[in-house]
Amino acid sequence: MRRRSTPQAWALRCRIILACAEGASNKDVAARLGSTPHAVGRWRSRFVQYRIAGLGDMPRPGGPRTVTDEQVAAVVTKTLESTPANATHWSTRAMAKEMGLSQSSVSRIWRAFGLQPHRAEAFKLSTDPAARQQGRPSDRVRQRDLPAPQ
């Protein structure tokens, strides 16, 4: 089943209220609009109590955010632009200690932004002298494609 977008949800709620204003029962309105009697009753009672504002989404349970947008930006910036003094990359625990956040918060931030500091993104040169002498494959291609010096 396709998820309803906000405008469609608002339209259905408004149709429910208009049908209820005609004097139809919850069961009749639900059958006519393809909803459930429980949903029709919920929107009817919210409209009676809060009027048009009751048709919007009400606050959901859960505590307020404790990590600010500035803290999130600081974690992302520090992850991308620096490394810890005694390691090659940041761990969630080291970053959490550095930024004064919990390890879970840092983990959630990294997951939300797709950050994986433990994965190397840059090309690393081999420590094998023979491999370094040959150069990278792209260097060999470039040298071959260049015209000969005169």
Foldseek 3Di string as FASTA:
>chain_A
DDDDDPVVLLVLLVQLCVVVVVVDQLPVSCVVSVHHSVVSVQSNVLCVVPNPVSSDDDDDDDDDDPQDPVLLVVLVCCQPPHADPPDDHDQLVNSCVVSVHDSVVSVVSCVVVVHDRVDDPDDDDDPDPVSVVVPDPVVVVVVVPDDDDD
